């Protein structure tokens, strides 16, 4: 059922240095702009790479469900 990475999947905040940059975005409400979504983009790829490192199976489609992993493991075993 693991579909979207959440804050529980992120490293500890003590490992980061946070810098605030005051800029104005004319198209955003009150000059705001989103920053959280951009940081989530590489997480799914990192999880897919971790699965590849652990199992030796590469996934190219999301979500990577348990049934897809089991199916890929069976296919890998059958190809030996």
Protein backbone atom coordinates (compact mmCIF):
# COMPACT_ATOMS: atom_id res chain seq x y z
CA UNK A 1 0.00 0.00 0.00
CA UNK A 2 3.07 2.29 -0.04
CA UNK A 3 2.22 4.91 -2.64
CA UNK A 4 3.54 8.38 -1.80
CA UNK A 5 6.64 9.15 0.29
CA UNK A 6 5.86 11.13 3.44
CA UNK A 7 7.87 12.97 6.08
CA UNK A 8 8.50 9.64 7.82
CA UNK A 9 10.59 8.63 4.79
CA UNK A 10 12.80 11.70 4.93
CA UNK A 11 16.13 11.96 6.80
CA UNK A 12 16.28 13.51 10.26
CA UNK A 13 16.04 17.31 10.16
CA UNK A 14 19.12 17.58 12.38
CA UNK A 15 21.13 16.55 9.32
CA UNK A 16 20.04 19.62 7.33
CA UNK A 17 20.93 23.29 7.31
CA UNK A 18 17.87 25.42 6.55
CA UNK A 19 18.19 28.81 4.87
CA UNK A 20 15.24 31.08 4.20
CA UNK A 21 15.35 33.17 1.05
CA UNK A 22 12.98 36.10 0.86
CA UNK A 23 11.76 36.43 -2.73
CA UNK A 24 8.53 37.52 -4.35
CA UNK A 25 6.58 35.41 -6.84
CA UNK A 26 4.02 37.59 -8.67
CA UNK A 27 1.84 34.63 -9.70
CA UNK A 28 1.54 33.14 -6.18
CA UNK A 29 -0.92 34.18 -3.47
CA UNK A 30 0.60 37.10 -1.53
CA UNK A 31 3.87 36.50 -3.40
CA UNK A 32 4.28 32.92 -2.14
CA UNK A 33 5.72 30.01 -4.06
CA UNK A 34 5.72 26.29 -3.36
CA UNK A 35 8.88 24.53 -2.28
CA UNK A 36 7.75 21.22 -0.79
CA UNK A 37 6.68 19.52 -3.98
CA UNK A 38 10.03 19.95 -5.70
CA UNK A 39 11.84 18.22 -2.86
CA UNK A 40 9.62 15.13 -3.18
CA UNK A 41 10.39 14.50 -6.86
CA UNK A 42 13.63 12.53 -6.35
CA UNK A 43 12.34 10.45 -3.42
CA UNK A 44 10.40 7.91 -5.49
CA UNK A 45 13.46 7.31 -7.69
CA UNK A 46 15.63 6.89 -4.61
CA UNK A 47 13.22 4.29 -3.23
CA UNK A 48 13.21 2.47 -6.59
CA UNK A 49 17.02 2.48 -6.57
CA UNK A 50 17.06 1.14 -3.00
CA UNK A 51 14.79 -1.73 -4.08
CA UNK A 52 17.14 -2.40 -6.99
CA UNK A 53 20.14 -2.43 -4.67
CA UNK A 54 18.40 -4.82 -2.27
CA UNK A 55 16.77 -7.19 -4.75
CA UNK A 56 18.55 -6.67 -8.05
CA UNK A 57 15.25 -5.84 -9.75
CA UNK A 58 14.69 -2.51 -11.49
CA UNK A 59 11.23 -0.90 -11.46
CA UNK A 60 10.30 1.86 -13.89
CA UNK A 61 6.64 2.45 -12.97
CA UNK A 62 4.99 3.79 -9.83
CA UNK A 63 3.54 2.79 -7.50
CA UNK A 64 5.83 -0.10 -6.64
CA UNK A 65 3.31 -2.33 -4.91
CA UNK A 66 4.00 -5.50 -2.93
CA UNK A 67 2.28 -7.55 -5.63
CA UNK A 68 4.58 -6.06 -8.29
CA UNK A 69 7.63 -6.88 -6.16
CA UNK A 70 6.49 -10.47 -5.57
CA UNK A 71 5.73 -10.94 -9.26
CA UNK A 72 9.17 -9.58 -10.23
CA UNK A 73 10.87 -11.83 -7.66
CA UNK A 74 9.06 -14.89 -9.07
CA UNK A 75 10.02 -13.90 -12.63
CA UNK A 76 13.63 -13.44 -11.54
CA UNK A 77 13.63 -16.85 -9.88
CA UNK A 78 12.03 -18.52 -12.92
CA UNK A 79 14.65 -17.04 -15.26
CA UNK A 80 17.49 -18.78 -13.42
